[in-house]
Amino acid sequence: MASTTSPSLSLSSSSTLVDGKTTRQSTAVASSQCVTLPTLPPPPAVQSRAARTTAYCRKIARNVAAMATSTGEVATAEATAETATTELPSELVQKIQEVWDKVDDKYAVSSLGVAAFILLWSSTGVISAIDRLPLIPGVLELVGIGYTGWFAYKNLIFKPDREALIVKIKELYKDILGSS
């Protein structure tokens, strides 16, 4: 029979016998007590609410575009964006320019627009502050549900009441915009 030789094994750390226990001392590690764990992968990116909403809206737009095409294929975003940018802004800009040219006091209209924006911004702050209070949101929700039920009972259930409400809305529309 042929004799085989086994390759020699070498360890990079030395072993010593202390109190009947074998301890390994690594030459690379200064402390024998140090244990390193493998690093964890980075946490998944937490998307903001706006990013999730945008992604969801894009998904819906793709679905609508797929349903609109006869073959069921999704139209390219460039073609959809191109038609939207060429048709909508030119008509919209022209209408806005016509209305802006008809305005006599442009400074007052601009001031009202800025004031409306500031009022909207501050009202969202007030609403979010009220929403953080303990019992107020629940009470306000109950009040809203109660008023909605009362309004529906008073104005929408019976036909004469519905007709009276429609007449009131039409009169209010004429008062605000004039008879057109």
N, C-alpha and C. Protein backbone atom coordinates (compact mmCIF):
# COMPACT_ATOMS: atom_id res chain seq x y z
N MET A 1 0.80 -1.17 0.00
CA MET A 1 0.00 0.00 0.00
C MET A 1 0.85 1.24 0.00
N ALA A 2 0.31 2.22 -0.54
CA ALA A 2 1.03 3.48 -0.63
C ALA A 2 0.79 4.29 0.63
N SER A 3 1.78 4.95 1.05
CA SER A 3 1.61 5.77 2.24
C SER A 3 1.27 7.19 1.82
N THR A 4 0.41 7.79 2.60
CA THR A 4 0.00 9.17 2.30
C THR A 4 0.48 10.08 3.40
N THR A 5 0.83 11.24 3.01
CA THR A 5 1.25 12.22 4.00
C THR A 5 0.16 13.27 4.12
N SER A 6 -0.14 13.65 5.28
CA SER A 6 -1.17 14.67 5.48
C SER A 6 -0.51 16.03 5.59
N PRO A 7 -1.12 17.03 5.02
CA PRO A 7 -0.53 18.37 5.12
C PRO A 7 -0.59 18.86 6.56
N SER A 8 0.35 19.65 6.91
CA SER A 8 0.40 20.14 8.29
C SER A 8 -0.56 21.31 8.46
N LEU A 9 -1.17 21.38 9.60
CA LEU A 9 -2.08 22.46 9.94
C LEU A 9 -1.36 23.47 10.80
N SER A 10 -1.58 24.72 10.52
CA SER A 10 -0.99 25.75 11.36
C SER A 10 -2.08 26.73 11.76
N LEU A 11 -2.07 27.15 12.98
CA LEU A 11 -3.02 28.11 13.49
C LEU A 11 -2.31 29.43 13.72
N SER A 12 -3.05 30.49 13.52
CA SER A 12 -2.44 31.79 13.70
C SER A 12 -2.55 32.25 15.14
N SER A 13 -3.25 31.52 15.95
CA SER A 13 -3.35 31.91 17.34
C SER A 13 -2.76 30.81 18.20
N SER A 14 -2.29 31.18 19.34
CA SER A 14 -1.69 30.20 20.23
C SER A 14 -2.67 29.84 21.32
N SER A 15 -2.58 28.61 21.82
CA SER A 15 -3.46 28.16 22.89
C SER A 15 -2.63 27.98 24.14
N THR A 16 -3.19 28.39 25.25
CA THR A 16 -2.52 28.18 26.53
C THR A 16 -3.50 27.50 27.47
N LEU A 17 -3.00 26.77 28.40
CA LEU A 17 -3.82 26.06 29.35
C LEU A 17 -3.78 26.81 30.67
N VAL A 18 -4.94 27.38 31.06
CA VAL A 18 -5.03 28.12 32.30
C VAL A 18 -6.14 27.49 33.12
N ASP A 19 -5.83 27.03 34.31
CA ASP A 19 -6.78 26.41 35.22
C ASP A 19 -7.56 25.28 34.54
N GLY A 20 -6.95 24.51 33.73
CA GLY A 20 -7.59 23.37 33.08
C GLY A 20 -8.45 23.75 31.89
N LYS A 21 -8.44 24.99 31.49
CA LYS A 21 -9.24 25.45 30.35
C LYS A 21 -8.29 25.94 29.28
N THR A 22 -8.70 25.68 28.06
CA THR A 22 -7.89 26.14 26.95
C THR A 22 -8.36 27.53 26.55
N THR A 23 -7.49 28.48 26.48
CA THR A 23 -7.81 29.82 26.00
C THR A 23 -7.02 30.08 24.75
N ARG A 24 -7.64 30.75 23.84
CA ARG A 24 -6.97 31.08 22.58
C ARG A 24 -6.60 32.55 22.60
N GLN A 25 -5.39 32.83 22.26
CA GLN A 25 -4.93 34.21 22.18
C GLN A 25 -4.61 34.51 20.74
N SER A 26 -5.36 35.37 20.16
CA SER A 26 -5.15 35.74 18.76
C SER A 26 -4.08 36.80 18.68
N THR A 27 -3.25 36.69 17.70
CA THR A 27 -2.21 37.69 17.52
C THR A 27 -2.77 38.97 16.94
N ALA A 28 -3.88 38.86 16.19
CA ALA A 28 -4.43 40.04 15.56
C ALA A 28 -5.29 40.84 16.52
N VAL A 29 -5.92 40.15 17.48
CA VAL A 29 -6.83 40.84 18.39
C VAL A 29 -6.11 41.06 19.70
N ALA A 30 -6.17 42.26 20.23
CA ALA A 30 -5.45 42.59 21.45
C ALA A 30 -6.11 41.96 22.66
N SER A 31 -7.43 41.87 22.69
CA SER A 31 -8.14 41.35 23.85
C SER A 31 -8.79 40.04 23.49
N SER A 32 -8.66 39.02 24.34
CA SER A 32 -9.30 37.75 24.07
C SER A 32 -10.78 37.79 24.39
N GLN A 33 -11.23 38.84 25.07
CA GLN A 33 -12.63 38.99 25.43
C GLN A 33 -13.45 39.66 24.33
N CYS A 34 -12.83 40.26 23.36
CA CYS A 34 -13.51 41.03 22.32
C CYS A 34 -14.15 40.10 21.30
N VAL A 35 -15.44 40.25 21.10
CA VAL A 35 -16.16 39.48 20.11
C VAL A 35 -16.80 40.46 19.15
N THR A 36 -16.56 40.29 17.89
CA THR A 36 -17.16 41.18 16.91
C THR A 36 -18.29 40.46 16.22
N LEU A 37 -19.37 41.16 16.06
CA LEU A 37 -20.53 40.62 15.36
C LEU A 37 -20.52 41.13 13.93
N PRO A 38 -21.09 40.37 13.03
CA PRO A 38 -21.16 40.88 11.66
C PRO A 38 -22.07 42.11 11.61
N THR A 39 -21.75 43.02 10.73
CA THR A 39 -22.55 44.23 10.64
C THR A 39 -23.88 43.93 9.98
N LEU A 40 -24.91 44.61 10.44
CA LEU A 40 -26.24 44.45 9.87
C LEU A 40 -26.36 45.29 8.61
N PRO A 41 -27.21 44.86 7.70
CA PRO A 41 -27.43 45.71 6.53
C PRO A 41 -28.14 46.98 6.96
N PRO A 42 -28.03 48.04 6.18
CA PRO A 42 -28.69 49.29 6.57
C PRO A 42 -30.20 49.09 6.56
N PRO A 43 -30.92 49.81 7.42
CA PRO A 43 -32.38 49.66 7.46
C PRO A 43 -32.98 50.11 6.14
N PRO A 44 -34.11 49.55 5.79
CA PRO A 44 -34.73 49.97 4.53
C PRO A 44 -35.08 51.45 4.60
N ALA A 45 -34.97 52.10 3.48
CA ALA A 45 -35.24 53.54 3.43
C ALA A 45 -36.70 53.78 3.75
N VAL A 46 -36.93 54.62 4.72
CA VAL A 46 -38.28 54.95 5.11
C VAL A 46 -38.73 56.09 4.21
N GLN A 47 -39.77 55.83 3.45
CA GLN A 47 -40.24 56.84 2.52
C GLN A 47 -41.15 57.81 3.27
N SER A 48 -41.09 59.04 2.87
CA SER A 48 -41.98 60.03 3.45
C SER A 48 -43.37 59.84 2.87
N ARG A 49 -44.32 60.48 3.51
CA ARG A 49 -45.71 60.36 3.04
C ARG A 49 -45.86 60.93 1.64
N ALA A 50 -45.17 62.01 1.37
CA ALA A 50 -45.26 62.63 0.05
C ALA A 50 -44.70 61.70 -1.03
N ALA A 51 -43.60 61.00 -0.73
CA ALA A 51 -43.01 60.09 -1.71
C ALA A 51 -43.94 58.91 -1.96
N ARG A 52 -44.57 58.39 -0.90
CA ARG A 52 -45.50 57.28 -1.09
C ARG A 52 -46.72 57.73 -1.89
N THR A 53 -47.22 58.94 -1.60
CA THR A 53 -48.37 59.46 -2.33
C THR A 53 -48.03 59.65 -3.79
N THR A 54 -46.85 60.19 -4.06
CA THR A 54 -46.43 60.40 -5.45
C THR A 54 -46.30 59.07 -6.18
N ALA A 55 -45.71 58.08 -5.52
CA ALA A 55 -45.57 56.77 -6.14
C ALA A 55 -46.93 56.15 -6.41
N TYR A 56 -47.86 56.31 -5.47
CA TYR A 56 -49.19 55.76 -5.66
C TYR A 56 -49.92 56.45 -6.81
N CYS A 57 -49.78 57.77 -6.89
CA CYS A 57 -50.43 58.52 -7.98
C CYS A 57 -49.85 58.11 -9.33
N ARG A 58 -48.53 57.90 -9.39
CA ARG A 58 -47.93 57.46 -10.65
C ARG A 58 -48.45 56.08 -11.04
N LYS A 59 -48.63 55.20 -10.05
CA LYS A 59 -49.16 53.87 -10.32
C LYS A 59 -50.57 53.96 -10.88
N ILE A 60 -51.40 54.81 -10.29
CA ILE A 60 -52.76 54.99 -10.78
C ILE A 60 -52.73 55.56 -12.19
N ALA A 61 -51.85 56.53 -12.45
CA ALA A 61 -51.75 57.12 -13.78
C ALA A 61 -51.36 56.07 -14.82
N ARG A 62 -50.43 55.18 -14.45
CA ARG A 62 -50.06 54.11 -15.38
C ARG A 62 -51.23 53.18 -15.65
N ASN A 63 -52.01 52.87 -14.60
CA ASN A 63 -53.17 52.00 -14.79
C ASN A 63 -54.21 52.66 -15.69
N VAL A 64 -54.45 53.95 -15.48
CA VAL A 64 -55.42 54.66 -16.30
C VAL A 64 -54.93 54.74 -17.75
N ALA A 65 -53.63 54.99 -17.92
CA ALA A 65 -53.08 55.06 -19.27
C ALA A 65 -53.18 53.69 -19.95
N ALA A 66 -52.98 52.62 -19.19
CA ALA A 66 -53.07 51.28 -19.77
C ALA A 66 -54.50 50.97 -20.17
N MET A 67 -55.46 51.41 -19.37
CA MET A 67 -56.86 51.17 -19.72
C MET A 67 -57.29 52.03 -20.90
N ALA A 68 -56.69 53.19 -21.05
CA ALA A 68 -57.09 54.09 -22.12
C ALA A 68 -56.58 53.62 -23.48
N THR A 69 -55.45 52.96 -23.51
CA THR A 69 -54.93 52.48 -24.78
C THR A 69 -55.68 51.23 -25.19
N SER A 70 -55.84 51.04 -26.48
CA SER A 70 -56.61 49.89 -26.96
C SER A 70 -55.86 48.59 -26.78
N THR A 71 -54.53 48.61 -26.81
CA THR A 71 -53.76 47.38 -26.70
C THR A 71 -53.50 47.01 -25.26
N GLY A 72 -53.75 47.90 -24.33
CA GLY A 72 -53.51 47.62 -22.93
C GLY A 72 -52.09 47.93 -22.51
N GLU A 73 -51.27 48.44 -23.40
CA GLU A 73 -49.90 48.79 -23.04
C GLU A 73 -49.87 50.16 -22.42
N VAL A 74 -48.93 50.35 -21.56
CA VAL A 74 -48.80 51.64 -20.89
C VAL A 74 -48.11 52.61 -21.83
N ALA A 75 -48.72 53.79 -21.99
CA ALA A 75 -48.12 54.81 -22.84
C ALA A 75 -46.88 55.35 -22.13
N THR A 76 -45.94 55.81 -22.90
CA THR A 76 -44.71 56.31 -22.29
C THR A 76 -45.01 57.60 -21.54
N ALA A 77 -44.25 57.82 -20.51
CA ALA A 77 -44.45 59.01 -19.68
C ALA A 77 -44.13 60.27 -20.46
N GLU A 78 -43.18 60.17 -21.38
CA GLU A 78 -42.83 61.35 -22.16
C GLU A 78 -43.98 61.79 -23.05
N ALA A 79 -44.65 60.82 -23.68
CA ALA A 79 -45.76 61.18 -24.56
C ALA A 79 -46.91 61.77 -23.77
N THR A 80 -47.20 61.18 -22.61
CA THR A 80 -48.29 61.69 -21.78
C THR A 80 -47.95 63.08 -21.26
N ALA A 81 -46.73 63.26 -20.81
CA ALA A 81 -46.33 64.57 -20.28
C ALA A 81 -46.27 65.60 -21.40
N GLU A 82 -45.88 65.17 -22.59
CA GLU A 82 -45.78 66.10 -23.71
C GLU A 82 -47.15 66.63 -24.10
N THR A 83 -48.16 65.75 -24.17
CA THR A 83 -49.50 66.22 -24.52
C THR A 83 -50.07 67.09 -23.42
N ALA A 84 -49.77 66.76 -22.17
CA ALA A 84 -50.30 67.55 -21.07
C ALA A 84 -49.67 68.93 -21.04
N THR A 85 -48.38 69.03 -21.35
CA THR A 85 -47.72 70.32 -21.28
C THR A 85 -48.06 71.20 -22.48
N THR A 86 -48.38 70.62 -23.60
CA THR A 86 -48.67 71.46 -24.77
C THR A 86 -50.11 71.94 -24.80
N GLU A 87 -51.05 71.13 -24.33
CA GLU A 87 -52.45 71.51 -24.42
C GLU A 87 -52.91 72.35 -23.24
N LEU A 88 -52.66 71.88 -22.04
CA LEU A 88 -53.20 72.52 -20.85
C LEU A 88 -52.61 73.90 -20.58
N PRO A 89 -51.30 74.05 -20.53
CA PRO A 89 -50.78 75.36 -20.14
C PRO A 89 -51.11 76.47 -21.12
N SER A 90 -51.11 76.19 -22.40
CA SER A 90 -51.37 77.28 -23.34
C SER A 90 -52.78 77.82 -23.16
N GLU A 91 -53.76 76.93 -23.00
CA GLU A 91 -55.14 77.39 -22.78
C GLU A 91 -55.28 78.03 -21.41
N LEU A 92 -54.68 77.42 -20.42
CA LEU A 92 -54.79 77.92 -19.06
C LEU A 92 -54.11 79.28 -18.92
N VAL A 93 -52.95 79.42 -19.51
CA VAL A 93 -52.21 80.68 -19.42
C VAL A 93 -52.99 81.78 -20.12
N GLN A 94 -53.58 81.48 -21.26
CA GLN A 94 -54.36 82.49 -21.98
C GLN A 94 -55.56 82.95 -21.15
N LYS A 95 -56.26 82.00 -20.52
CA LYS A 95 -57.41 82.37 -19.70
C LYS A 95 -56.99 83.20 -18.50
N ILE A 96 -55.89 82.80 -17.88
CA ILE A 96 -55.41 83.56 -16.72
C ILE A 96 -55.00 84.96 -17.14
N GLN A 97 -54.34 85.09 -18.28
CA GLN A 97 -53.93 86.42 -18.76
C GLN A 97 -55.14 87.29 -19.07
N GLU A 98 -56.18 86.70 -19.66
CA GLU A 98 -57.39 87.47 -19.96
C GLU A 98 -58.05 87.97 -18.68
N VAL A 99 -58.16 87.10 -17.70
CA VAL A 99 -58.77 87.50 -16.43
C VAL A 99 -57.91 88.54 -15.73
N TRP A 100 -56.59 88.36 -15.75
CA TRP A 100 -55.69 89.30 -15.09
C TRP A 100 -55.74 90.67 -15.76
N ASP A 101 -55.90 90.70 -17.08
CA ASP A 101 -55.99 91.98 -17.79
C ASP A 101 -57.28 92.72 -17.44
N LYS A 102 -58.34 91.99 -17.12
CA LYS A 102 -59.62 92.63 -16.78
C LYS A 102 -59.61 93.22 -15.37
N VAL A 103 -58.68 92.78 -14.52
CA VAL A 103 -58.63 93.26 -13.13
C VAL A 103 -58.14 94.69 -13.11
N ASP A 104 -58.88 95.55 -12.37
CA ASP A 104 -58.50 96.95 -12.28
C ASP A 104 -57.42 97.17 -11.22
N ASP A 105 -57.62 96.61 -10.03
CA ASP A 105 -56.69 96.82 -8.92
C ASP A 105 -55.89 95.54 -8.68
N LYS A 106 -54.79 95.43 -9.40
CA LYS A 106 -53.98 94.21 -9.33
C LYS A 106 -53.27 94.08 -7.98
N TYR A 107 -52.93 95.19 -7.38
CA TYR A 107 -52.27 95.16 -6.08
C TYR A 107 -53.20 94.56 -5.03
N ALA A 108 -54.46 94.94 -5.03
CA ALA A 108 -55.42 94.43 -4.05
C ALA A 108 -55.66 92.94 -4.26
N VAL A 109 -55.77 92.52 -5.51
CA VAL A 109 -55.99 91.09 -5.79
C VAL A 109 -54.78 90.28 -5.36
N SER A 110 -53.59 90.78 -5.62
CA SER A 110 -52.37 90.08 -5.18
C SER A 110 -52.31 90.00 -3.67
N SER A 111 -52.65 91.08 -2.99
CA SER A 111 -52.65 91.10 -1.53
C SER A 111 -53.67 90.11 -0.97
N LEU A 112 -54.84 90.05 -1.59
CA LEU A 112 -55.85 89.09 -1.14
C LEU A 112 -55.38 87.66 -1.34
N GLY A 113 -54.69 87.40 -2.44
CA GLY A 113 -54.16 86.05 -2.68
C GLY A 113 -53.13 85.65 -1.64
N VAL A 114 -52.22 86.57 -1.32
CA VAL A 114 -51.20 86.28 -0.30
C VAL A 114 -51.86 86.11 1.06
N ALA A 115 -52.85 86.95 1.37
CA ALA A 115 -53.55 86.84 2.65
C ALA A 115 -54.31 85.52 2.74
N ALA A 116 -54.90 85.09 1.65
CA ALA A 116 -55.61 83.80 1.64
C ALA A 116 -54.65 82.65 1.86
N PHE A 117 -53.47 82.72 1.26
CA PHE A 117 -52.46 81.67 1.45
C PHE A 117 -52.00 81.62 2.90
N ILE A 118 -51.74 82.79 3.49
CA ILE A 118 -51.29 82.84 4.89
C ILE A 118 -52.40 82.34 5.82
N LEU A 119 -53.64 82.69 5.53
CA LEU A 119 -54.77 82.22 6.34
C LEU A 119 -54.91 80.70 6.25
N LEU A 120 -54.77 80.16 5.07
CA LEU A 120 -54.84 78.70 4.89
C LEU A 120 -53.71 78.01 5.64
N TRP A 121 -52.52 78.55 5.54
CA TRP A 121 -51.36 77.97 6.21
C TRP A 121 -51.53 78.00 7.73
N SER A 122 -51.98 79.14 8.26
CA SER A 122 -52.16 79.24 9.71
C SER A 122 -53.32 78.38 10.19
N SER A 123 -54.37 78.24 9.39
CA SER A 123 -55.50 77.41 9.81
C SER A 123 -55.10 75.94 9.89
N THR A 124 -54.20 75.48 9.01
CA THR A 124 -53.74 74.10 9.13
C THR A 124 -52.95 73.90 10.41
N GLY A 125 -52.20 74.91 10.84
CA GLY A 125 -51.49 74.83 12.11
C GLY A 125 -52.45 74.76 13.28
N VAL A 126 -53.50 75.57 13.25
CA VAL A 126 -54.48 75.55 14.32
C VAL A 126 -55.21 74.21 14.37
N ILE A 127 -55.57 73.70 13.22
CA ILE A 127 -56.28 72.42 13.17
C ILE A 127 -55.40 71.29 13.67
N SER A 128 -54.13 71.30 13.31
CA SER A 128 -53.24 70.24 13.80
C SER A 128 -53.02 70.37 15.31
N ALA A 129 -53.01 71.60 15.85
CA ALA A 129 -52.88 71.78 17.30
C ALA A 129 -54.13 71.28 18.02
N ILE A 130 -55.30 71.55 17.47
CA ILE A 130 -56.54 71.06 18.07
C ILE A 130 -56.60 69.54 17.99
N ASP A 131 -56.10 68.99 16.90
CA ASP A 131 -56.13 67.54 16.71
C ASP A 131 -55.27 66.81 17.74
N ARG A 132 -54.26 67.48 18.27
CA ARG A 132 -53.39 66.86 19.27
C ARG A 132 -53.99 66.87 20.67
N LEU A 133 -55.04 67.65 20.89
CA LEU A 133 -55.68 67.68 22.21
C LEU A 133 -56.42 66.36 22.45
N PRO A 134 -56.55 65.92 23.70
CA PRO A 134 -57.06 64.58 23.97
C PRO A 134 -58.50 64.30 23.52
N LEU A 135 -59.49 65.05 23.97
CA LEU A 135 -60.88 64.71 23.68
C LEU A 135 -61.51 65.52 22.56
N ILE A 136 -60.91 66.62 22.19
CA ILE A 136 -61.52 67.54 21.25
C ILE A 136 -61.79 66.89 19.88
N PRO A 137 -60.87 66.16 19.27
CA PRO A 137 -61.16 65.59 17.95
C PRO A 137 -62.37 64.65 17.94
N GLY A 138 -62.50 63.83 18.97
CA GLY A 138 -63.65 62.92 19.04
C GLY A 138 -64.96 63.67 19.19
N VAL A 139 -64.96 64.71 20.03
CA VAL A 139 -66.17 65.49 20.23
C VAL A 139 -66.55 66.22 18.95
N LEU A 140 -65.56 66.81 18.29
CA LEU A 140 -65.84 67.52 17.04
C LEU A 140 -66.34 66.57 15.96
N GLU A 141 -65.83 65.35 15.94
CA GLU A 141 -66.30 64.36 14.97
C GLU A 141 -67.77 64.02 15.24
N LEU A 142 -68.12 63.84 16.50
CA LEU A 142 -69.52 63.56 16.84
C LEU A 142 -70.43 64.73 16.46
N VAL A 143 -69.96 65.95 16.69
CA VAL A 143 -70.75 67.12 16.32
C VAL A 143 -70.96 67.15 14.80
N GLY A 144 -69.91 66.85 14.05
CA GLY A 144 -70.02 66.83 12.59
C GLY A 144 -70.98 65.75 12.10
N ILE A 145 -70.91 64.57 12.70
CA ILE A 145 -71.82 63.50 12.31
C ILE A 145 -73.26 63.88 12.64
N GLY A 146 -73.46 64.48 13.81
CA GLY A 146 -74.80 64.90 14.20
C GLY A 146 -75.36 65.96 13.27
N TYR A 147 -74.53 66.97 12.93
CA TYR A 147 -75.00 68.02 12.03
C TYR A 147 -75.29 67.47 10.64
N THR A 148 -74.47 66.55 10.16
CA THR A 148 -74.71 65.95 8.85
C THR A 148 -76.02 65.20 8.83
N GLY A 149 -76.30 64.44 9.88
CA GLY A 149 -77.57 63.72 9.97
C GLY A 149 -78.75 64.68 10.01
N TRP A 150 -78.62 65.75 10.81
CA TRP A 150 -79.71 66.73 10.89
C TRP A 150 -79.94 67.40 9.55
N PHE A 151 -78.86 67.79 8.87
CA PHE A 151 -78.99 68.45 7.57
C PHE A 151 -79.65 67.52 6.56
N ALA A 152 -79.25 66.25 6.54
CA ALA A 152 -79.85 65.30 5.61
C ALA A 152 -81.33 65.12 5.92
N TYR A 153 -81.69 65.01 7.20
CA TYR A 153 -83.10 64.84 7.56
C TYR A 153 -83.90 66.08 7.20
N LYS A 154 -83.34 67.24 7.46
CA LYS A 154 -84.07 68.49 7.26
C LYS A 154 -84.21 68.86 5.78
N ASN A 155 -83.17 68.57 4.94
CA ASN A 155 -83.16 69.10 3.58
C ASN A 155 -83.15 68.06 2.47
N LEU A 156 -82.80 66.83 2.73
CA LEU A 156 -82.58 65.89 1.64
C LEU A 156 -83.56 64.72 1.57
N ILE A 157 -84.21 64.38 2.64
CA ILE A 157 -85.04 63.16 2.64
C ILE A 157 -86.34 63.36 1.87
N PHE A 158 -87.04 64.45 2.11
CA PHE A 158 -88.35 64.66 1.48
C PHE A 158 -88.22 65.55 0.25
N LYS A 159 -89.02 65.25 -0.77
CA LYS A 159 -88.92 65.93 -2.06
C LYS A 159 -89.15 67.44 -1.96
N PRO A 160 -90.19 67.94 -1.26
CA PRO A 160 -90.37 69.41 -1.20
C PRO A 160 -89.17 70.11 -0.55
N ASP A 161 -88.58 69.48 0.46
CA ASP A 161 -87.42 70.08 1.10
C ASP A 161 -86.22 70.12 0.15
N ARG A 162 -86.03 69.04 -0.63
CA ARG A 162 -84.94 69.00 -1.62
C ARG A 162 -85.12 70.11 -2.65
N GLU A 163 -86.34 70.27 -3.14
CA GLU A 163 -86.59 71.30 -4.15
C GLU A 163 -86.35 72.70 -3.58
N ALA A 164 -86.74 72.92 -2.32
CA ALA A 164 -86.49 74.23 -1.69
C ALA A 164 -84.99 74.47 -1.55
N LEU A 165 -84.24 73.43 -1.21
CA LEU A 165 -82.78 73.57 -1.09
C LEU A 165 -82.16 73.89 -2.45
N ILE A 166 -82.61 73.25 -3.49
CA ILE A 166 -82.09 73.53 -4.84
C ILE A 166 -82.39 74.96 -5.24
N VAL A 167 -83.57 75.44 -4.93
CA VAL A 167 -83.92 76.83 -5.24
C VAL A 167 -83.01 77.79 -4.47
N LYS A 168 -82.77 77.51 -3.19
CA LYS A 168 -81.89 78.37 -2.40
C LYS A 168 -80.47 78.39 -2.98
N ILE A 169 -79.98 77.23 -3.39
CA ILE A 169 -78.63 77.17 -3.96
C ILE A 169 -78.55 77.95 -5.25
N LYS A 170 -79.57 77.82 -6.10
CA LYS A 170 -79.57 78.57 -7.37
C LYS A 170 -79.65 80.07 -7.13
N GLU A 171 -80.43 80.50 -6.15
CA GLU A 171 -80.51 81.93 -5.83
C GLU A 171 -79.17 82.45 -5.30
N LEU A 172 -78.53 81.67 -4.46
CA LEU A 172 -77.23 82.06 -3.94
C LEU A 172 -76.20 82.14 -5.06
N TYR A 173 -76.26 81.20 -5.99
CA TYR A 173 -75.36 81.20 -7.14
C TYR A 173 -75.55 82.46 -7.98
N LYS A 174 -76.81 82.85 -8.20
CA LYS A 174 -77.08 84.07 -8.97
C LYS A 174 -76.62 85.31 -8.22
N ASP A 175 -76.80 85.34 -6.89
CA ASP A 175 -76.36 86.49 -6.12
C ASP A 175 -74.85 86.66 -6.16
N ILE A 176 -74.13 85.56 -6.12
CA ILE A 176 -72.67 85.64 -6.10
C ILE A 176 -72.12 85.98 -7.48
N LEU A 177 -72.54 85.26 -8.50
CA LEU A 177 -71.96 85.44 -9.84
C LEU A 177 -72.78 86.35 -10.74
N GLY A 178 -73.95 86.71 -10.32
CA GLY A 178 -74.81 87.52 -11.17
C GLY A 178 -75.61 86.61 -12.08
N SER A 179 -76.57 87.17 -12.74
CA SER A 179 -77.42 86.36 -13.62
C SER A 179 -76.71 86.13 -14.92
N SER A 180 -76.33 84.88 -15.16
CA SER A 180 -75.65 84.57 -16.42
C SER A 180 -76.27 83.38 -17.08
